[in-house]
Amino acid sequence: MSADKSIPVTEETREQLHDLKKPGQTYDDLLQELAQQRRRAELAERFDDLEAAESDELTALGDV
């Protein structure tokens, strides 16, 4: 179900979003894309942290 909502932003933020938006792309599409990029970046950071962790800092799967 679709519901239109207003999200208050400053004029500067609106201009930045407008500059990022591709021709024909809606603001909803852009915000979904940005949210997905953020989630992927956070997941990649978590994997990097795991790879950098010392083995004694990790819990074996058998112990979970």
Protein backbone atom coordinates (compact mmCIF):
# COMPACT_ATOMS: atom_id res chain seq x y z
CA MET A 1 0.00 0.00 0.00
CA SER A 2 1.33 3.39 -0.93
CA ALA A 3 0.92 6.44 1.28
CA ASP A 4 2.24 9.89 0.49
CA LYS A 5 4.16 11.44 3.37
CA SER A 6 6.02 14.69 3.71
CA ILE A 7 9.57 14.63 5.01
CA PRO A 8 10.73 18.06 6.13
CA VAL A 9 14.22 18.90 4.85
CA THR A 10 16.19 22.09 4.51
CA GLU A 11 16.45 23.77 1.14
CA GLU A 12 20.13 22.77 1.04
CA THR A 13 19.25 19.10 1.56
CA ARG A 14 16.53 19.27 -1.08
CA GLU A 15 19.03 20.72 -3.56
CA GLN A 16 21.56 18.01 -2.75
CA LEU A 17 18.94 15.31 -3.29
CA HIS A 18 17.85 16.97 -6.51
CA ASP A 19 21.46 16.95 -7.76
CA LEU A 20 21.75 13.22 -6.96
CA LYS A 21 18.48 12.31 -8.65
CA LYS A 22 18.73 10.81 -12.13
CA PRO A 23 16.40 11.99 -14.90
CA GLY A 24 13.02 10.31 -14.46
CA GLN A 25 13.93 9.02 -11.00
CA THR A 26 11.52 9.83 -8.19
CA TYR A 27 12.65 11.07 -4.79
CA ASP A 28 11.22 7.84 -3.35
CA ASP A 29 13.44 5.80 -5.70
CA LEU A 30 16.45 7.93 -4.78
CA LEU A 31 15.84 7.59 -1.05
CA GLN A 32 15.40 3.82 -1.39
CA GLU A 33 18.67 3.65 -3.33
CA LEU A 34 20.51 5.72 -0.71
CA ALA A 35 19.09 3.59 2.12
CA GLN A 36 20.21 0.41 0.35
CA GLN A 37 23.70 1.83 -0.20
CA ARG A 38 23.88 2.72 3.51
CA ARG A 39 22.83 -0.80 4.56
CA ARG A 40 25.41 -2.35 2.22
CA ALA A 41 28.16 -0.05 3.51
CA GLU A 42 27.31 -0.93 7.12
CA LEU A 43 27.32 -4.65 6.28
CA ALA A 44 30.68 -4.33 4.53
CA GLU A 45 32.05 -2.52 7.59
CA ARG A 46 30.84 -5.34 9.83
CA PHE A 47 32.59 -7.90 7.60
CA ASP A 48 35.78 -5.82 7.67
CA ASP A 49 35.60 -5.71 11.47
CA LEU A 50 35.18 -9.49 11.59
CA GLU A 51 38.13 -10.05 9.27
CA ALA A 52 40.28 -7.75 11.39
CA ALA A 53 39.25 -9.37 14.68
CA GLU A 54 41.68 -11.65 16.46
CA SER A 55 40.54 -15.27 16.44
CA ASP A 56 40.32 -15.30 20.25
CA GLU A 57 37.79 -12.45 20.05
CA LEU A 58 35.39 -14.58 17.98
CA THR A 59 32.97 -17.26 19.14
CA ALA A 60 33.06 -20.58 17.34
CA LEU A 61 29.81 -21.49 15.55
CA GLY A 62 29.64 -24.71 17.53
CA ASP A 63 29.52 -22.64 20.73
CA VAL A 64 26.51 -20.64 19.60
